[in-house]
Amino acid sequence: MTITGFYWGLNIVYKLFGMVIFLATAPLTAATGPDMEDLVAADKGVTSEQGRPAEWYLDQHQRLSSTIAALAPQNPGKVDAYILVAGLDGDPVFQTESEETVKVLTRRYNAGGRTILLTTNSKSSAAQGSPANIQIALAAIAQKMDKAEDVLILYTTSHGSPKIGIVYQDGRQGFGMIAPRRMGKMLKDLGIERRLIMISACYSGEFIPQLASDNSIIITAASAVRTSFGCAPGNDWTFFGDALVNHGLRTPRKLEDIASDMQK
């Protein structure tokens, strides 16, 4: 697997081992931002589970522990992909998108046994798609992978908020946020530098400055000041997920070609 690297929102950057080509769209005006308490909570990755029975917490622990225990070790001398896909909202479109995306990515990157799915779908056997579980899953992957040769593939799908980043909401019981700075710090602290990160959320371009590096590919559904589309209840995919994953990554075409077509 070759890491070339490009970052993509409405403003697009291709970064190829130090060479940067910046294709800028017209400047936009950002929406009114959140208050300081929300920003601090997002930077800390605050998560709240309310009204959950004790059995729910035990079940979540068992699900995630089993998934982590089943992660296959990496193959010395071979570039392995470790995949984490997380749907962080109770709206059905995010549940369906995450569950289908993990199948597509696992096949494309030959990652059987090296994949973790997190979702808010209570009918799924996967653990909860929450900020807390994302942190645990990333830490588990960091322990398994060879950071010098393997690649993390991270796909998240959810609602997003300006400056707040990724929003977690599961009905009236689960709430939380992951700010761009929080995500960047998590990956830096874990030493995961070789990564393909795809974020399907409004304002997801906020993540680009915090995650950009010479060994990263970052693809976002929107710029830092724009919404994304397609999260209506009757949809199986967001517009971003449908174009990138459902109609792009299902095929053997190069990622750069898929991205180019999505801009047309």
Protein backbone atom coordinates (compact mmCIF):
# COMPACT_ATOMS: atom_id res chain seq x y z
CA MET A 1 0.00 0.00 0.00
CA THR A 2 1.43 3.39 -0.99
CA ILE A 3 0.77 6.48 1.08
CA THR A 4 0.72 9.46 -1.28
CA GLY A 5 -1.45 11.86 0.67
CA PHE A 6 -4.10 14.41 -0.12
CA TYR A 7 -6.49 16.46 1.94
CA TRP A 8 -9.91 17.22 0.62
CA GLY A 9 -12.80 19.42 1.68
CA LEU A 10 -14.21 22.21 -0.44
CA ASN A 11 -10.68 23.52 -0.28
CA ILE A 12 -8.44 20.80 -1.68
CA VAL A 13 -4.81 20.08 -0.95
CA TYR A 14 -2.71 17.37 -2.54
CA LYS A 15 0.39 16.65 -0.47
CA LEU A 16 2.82 14.20 -2.01
CA PHE A 17 5.69 13.66 0.42
CA GLY A 18 6.31 17.34 0.94
CA MET A 19 5.06 18.75 -2.37
CA VAL A 20 1.88 20.73 -1.83
CA ILE A 21 -0.59 21.83 -4.48
CA PHE A 22 -3.40 23.99 -3.10
CA LEU A 23 -6.61 24.40 -5.07
CA ALA A 24 -8.64 27.07 -3.30
CA THR A 25 -12.33 27.73 -3.67
CA ALA A 26 -13.88 31.14 -3.02
CA PRO A 27 -13.70 32.29 0.62
CA LEU A 28 -16.77 31.60 2.70
CA THR A 29 -18.20 33.00 5.90
CA ALA A 30 -18.30 30.56 8.81
CA ALA A 31 -21.41 30.09 10.88
CA THR A 32 -21.61 31.39 14.41
CA GLY A 33 -19.44 29.16 16.53
CA PRO A 34 -20.16 27.31 19.78
CA ASP A 35 -19.57 28.76 23.23
CA MET A 36 -16.33 28.24 25.14
CA GLU A 37 -17.72 25.45 27.36
CA ASP A 38 -18.60 23.39 24.28
CA LEU A 39 -15.14 23.94 22.79
CA VAL A 40 -13.43 22.82 25.99
CA ALA A 41 -15.67 19.75 26.23
CA ALA A 42 -14.94 18.83 22.61
CA ASP A 43 -11.21 19.26 23.08
CA LYS A 44 -11.38 16.88 26.03
CA GLY A 45 -13.50 14.34 24.16
CA VAL A 46 -16.28 14.52 26.73
CA THR A 47 -18.86 11.73 26.52
CA SER A 48 -22.04 11.30 28.56
CA GLU A 49 -24.19 8.17 28.80
CA GLN A 50 -27.47 8.85 30.58
CA GLY A 51 -30.04 6.42 31.89
CA ARG A 52 -28.19 3.32 30.69
CA PRO A 53 -28.73 0.16 32.78
CA ALA A 54 -25.72 -1.51 34.35
CA GLU A 55 -26.12 -4.45 31.97
CA TRP A 56 -25.57 -2.11 29.02
CA TYR A 57 -22.13 -1.11 30.29
CA LEU A 58 -21.16 -4.74 30.88
CA ASP A 59 -22.39 -5.69 27.42
CA GLN A 60 -20.39 -2.86 25.84
CA HIS A 61 -17.26 -3.93 27.71
CA GLN A 62 -17.67 -7.52 26.56
CA ARG A 63 -18.35 -6.58 22.94
CA LEU A 64 -15.36 -4.29 22.61
CA SER A 65 -13.06 -6.62 24.52
CA SER A 66 -13.98 -9.52 22.23
CA THR A 67 -13.40 -7.45 19.12
CA ILE A 68 -10.01 -6.25 20.32
CA ALA A 69 -8.96 -9.77 21.34
CA ALA A 70 -9.79 -11.00 17.84
CA LEU A 71 -7.55 -8.46 16.08
CA ALA A 72 -4.96 -10.28 14.00
CA PRO A 73 -1.27 -9.49 14.46
CA GLN A 74 0.59 -7.72 11.70
CA ASN A 75 2.75 -9.55 9.18
CA PRO A 76 6.44 -8.59 9.48
CA GLY A 77 7.75 -7.12 6.25
CA LYS A 78 4.26 -6.55 4.84
CA VAL A 79 2.11 -3.42 4.91
CA ASP A 80 -1.09 -4.33 6.75
CA ALA A 81 -4.17 -2.13 6.98
CA TYR A 82 -5.94 -1.80 10.32
CA ILE A 83 -9.44 -0.42 9.88
CA LEU A 84 -11.69 1.41 12.32
CA VAL A 85 -15.15 2.50 11.12
CA ALA A 86 -17.44 4.37 13.50
CA GLY A 87 -21.02 5.59 13.12
CA LEU A 88 -21.61 8.05 15.96
CA ASP A 89 -25.24 9.02 15.56
CA GLY A 90 -28.54 7.24 16.07
CA ASP A 91 -29.94 8.35 12.71
CA PRO A 92 -30.28 5.22 10.53
CA VAL A 93 -28.25 6.64 7.64
CA PHE A 94 -25.11 6.74 9.78
CA GLN A 95 -25.70 3.22 11.04
CA THR A 96 -26.17 1.81 7.55
CA GLU A 97 -23.23 3.75 6.14
CA SER A 98 -20.83 2.56 8.82
CA GLU A 99 -21.91 -1.07 8.52
CA GLU A 100 -21.56 -1.09 4.72
CA THR A 101 -18.34 0.93 4.73
CA VAL A 102 -16.52 -1.53 6.95
CA LYS A 103 -17.34 -4.31 4.47
CA VAL A 104 -16.09 -2.32 1.48
CA LEU A 105 -12.87 -1.22 3.17
CA THR A 106 -12.12 -4.68 4.52
CA ARG A 107 -12.37 -6.18 1.04
CA ARG A 108 -10.49 -3.39 -0.71
CA TYR A 109 -7.54 -3.36 1.69
CA ASN A 110 -7.46 -7.09 2.45
CA ALA A 111 -7.98 -6.37 6.13
CA GLY A 112 -9.85 -9.44 7.30
CA GLY A 113 -9.22 -9.90 11.02
CA ARG A 114 -7.86 -6.36 11.34
CA THR A 115 -11.11 -4.42 11.38
CA ILE A 116 -13.19 -2.81 14.13
CA LEU A 117 -16.75 -1.54 13.62
CA LEU A 118 -18.43 0.77 16.13
CA THR A 119 -22.08 1.72 15.66
CA THR A 120 -25.09 3.09 17.51
CA ASN A 121 -27.26 0.36 15.96
CA SER A 122 -28.58 -1.63 18.92
CA LYS A 123 -29.34 -4.57 16.61
CA SER A 124 -25.68 -4.89 15.64
CA SER A 125 -23.23 -7.11 17.53
CA ALA A 126 -20.64 -4.31 17.33
CA ALA A 127 -19.78 -2.07 20.25
CA GLN A 128 -21.18 1.44 20.59
CA GLY A 129 -19.98 4.14 18.20
CA SER A 130 -18.92 6.61 20.88
CA PRO A 131 -15.89 8.87 21.46
CA ALA A 132 -14.80 6.71 24.39
CA ASN A 133 -14.87 3.51 22.35
CA ILE A 134 -13.04 5.17 19.46
CA GLN A 135 -10.21 6.02 21.83
CA ILE A 136 -10.03 2.45 23.15
CA ALA A 137 -10.16 0.97 19.65
CA LEU A 138 -7.39 3.27 18.39
CA ALA A 139 -5.21 2.35 21.36
CA ALA A 140 -5.78 -1.36 20.68
CA ILE A 141 -4.87 -0.96 17.01
CA ALA A 142 -1.75 1.00 17.96
CA GLN A 143 -0.62 -1.95 20.09
CA LYS A 144 -1.17 -4.49 17.31
CA MET A 145 0.23 -2.68 14.29
CA ASP A 146 3.81 -2.06 13.26
CA LYS A 147 3.74 1.72 13.19
CA ALA A 148 6.73 1.88 10.88
CA GLU A 149 5.06 -0.06 8.06
CA ASP A 150 1.32 -0.57 8.70
CA VAL A 151 -1.50 1.89 7.97
CA LEU A 152 -4.53 2.97 10.00
CA ILE A 153 -7.70 3.45 7.95
CA LEU A 154 -10.24 5.47 9.94
CA TYR A 155 -13.75 6.29 8.69
CA THR A 156 -16.27 8.16 10.82
CA THR A 157 -19.82 9.16 9.89
CA SER A 158 -22.01 11.44 11.98
CA HIS A 159 -23.28 14.97 12.30
CA GLY A 160 -20.70 17.71 12.73
CA SER A 161 -20.58 21.19 14.22
CA PRO A 162 -18.33 24.21 13.53
CA LYS A 163 -15.16 24.07 15.65
CA ILE A 164 -16.71 21.29 17.77
CA GLY A 165 -15.90 18.60 15.20
CA ILE A 166 -17.59 15.19 15.28
CA VAL A 167 -20.81 14.95 17.28
CA TYR A 168 -21.95 11.78 19.07
CA GLN A 169 -25.67 11.41 19.79
CA ASP A 170 -27.61 8.23 20.47
CA GLY A 171 -31.18 9.26 21.10
CA ARG A 172 -31.60 10.80 24.55
CA GLN A 173 -28.98 8.61 26.18
CA GLY A 174 -25.62 9.11 24.50
CA PHE A 175 -23.92 12.45 23.91
CA GLY A 176 -20.37 13.54 23.15
CA MET A 177 -17.91 15.30 20.87
CA ILE A 178 -14.48 14.84 19.35
CA ALA A 179 -12.77 18.08 18.38
CA PRO A 180 -10.12 18.16 15.64
CA ARG A 181 -7.42 18.97 18.17
CA ARG A 182 -8.53 16.02 20.31
CA MET A 183 -8.34 13.62 17.37
CA GLY A 184 -4.93 14.93 16.38
CA LYS A 185 -3.60 14.55 19.92
CA MET A 186 -4.94 10.99 20.22
CA LEU A 187 -3.18 9.85 17.06
CA LYS A 188 0.02 11.69 17.96
CA ASP A 189 0.12 10.23 21.48
CA LEU A 190 -0.46 6.74 20.06
CA GLY A 191 2.31 7.22 17.51
CA ILE A 192 0.06 6.43 14.52
CA GLU A 193 1.51 8.47 11.67
CA ARG A 194 0.70 6.36 8.59
CA ARG A 195 -3.02 6.82 8.10
CA LEU A 196 -5.93 7.25 5.72
CA ILE A 197 -8.67 9.25 7.45
CA MET A 198 -12.14 9.81 5.97
CA ILE A 199 -14.63 11.98 7.87
CA SER A 200 -18.26 12.20 6.79
CA ALA A 201 -19.74 15.14 8.71
CA CYS A 202 -20.67 18.78 8.32
CA TYR A 203 -17.73 21.18 8.73
CA SER A 204 -15.33 18.22 8.73
CA GLY A 205 -12.66 20.27 6.97
CA GLU A 206 -11.89 21.56 10.48
CA PHE A 207 -9.90 18.37 10.97
CA ILE A 208 -7.44 18.95 8.14
CA PRO A 209 -4.99 21.33 9.91
CA GLN A 210 -4.83 19.07 12.97
CA LEU A 211 -4.34 15.81 11.08
CA ALA A 212 -2.26 16.79 8.04
CA SER A 213 1.18 15.20 7.72
CA ASP A 214 3.49 13.84 5.05
CA ASN A 215 2.27 10.27 5.74
CA SER A 216 -1.46 11.01 5.93
CA ILE A 217 -4.36 11.04 3.51
CA ILE A 218 -7.34 13.02 4.79
CA ILE A 219 -10.67 13.16 2.98
CA THR A 220 -13.55 15.19 4.41
CA ALA A 221 -17.17 15.56 3.31
CA ALA A 222 -17.08 19.35 3.59
CA SER A 223 -14.80 22.29 4.20
CA ALA A 224 -14.45 23.85 7.64
CA VAL A 225 -17.26 26.29 6.88
CA ARG A 226 -19.73 24.21 4.88
CA THR A 227 -22.31 21.56 5.66
CA SER A 228 -22.33 18.16 4.02
CA PHE A 229 -25.46 16.53 2.62
CA GLY A 230 -27.49 13.34 2.49
CA CYS A 231 -28.24 12.53 6.13
CA ALA A 232 -32.02 12.38 5.62
CA PRO A 233 -33.69 9.51 7.54
CA GLY A 234 -34.66 7.58 4.39
CA ASN A 235 -31.16 7.49 2.94
CA ASP A 236 -28.82 4.51 3.15
CA TRP A 237 -25.77 6.70 2.51
CA THR A 238 -24.75 10.30 2.95
CA PHE A 239 -23.83 11.95 -0.36
CA PHE A 240 -20.16 11.72 0.62
CA GLY A 241 -20.28 8.05 1.61
CA ASP A 242 -22.26 7.14 -1.49
CA ALA A 243 -19.76 8.77 -3.83
CA LEU A 244 -16.54 7.81 -2.05
CA VAL A 245 -17.35 4.36 -0.70
CA ASN A 246 -20.45 2.98 -2.39
CA HIS A 247 -19.54 4.02 -5.92
CA GLY A 248 -15.82 4.63 -5.57
CA LEU A 249 -13.97 2.32 -3.21
CA ARG A 250 -16.08 -0.66 -4.24
CA THR A 251 -14.20 -0.53 -7.53
CA PRO A 252 -10.50 -1.26 -8.11
CA ARG A 253 -9.84 2.32 -9.22
CA LYS A 254 -7.12 4.39 -7.57
CA LEU A 255 -8.16 6.62 -4.70
CA GLU A 256 -6.80 9.71 -6.48
CA ASP A 257 -9.02 9.00 -9.50
CA ILE A 258 -12.08 8.49 -7.32
CA ALA A 259 -11.45 11.80 -5.57
CA SER A 260 -11.00 13.58 -8.87
CA ASP A 261 -14.35 12.30 -10.14
CA MET A 262 -16.08 13.39 -6.92
CA GLN A 263 -15.04 16.98 -7.57
CA LYS A 264 -16.77 17.10 -10.98
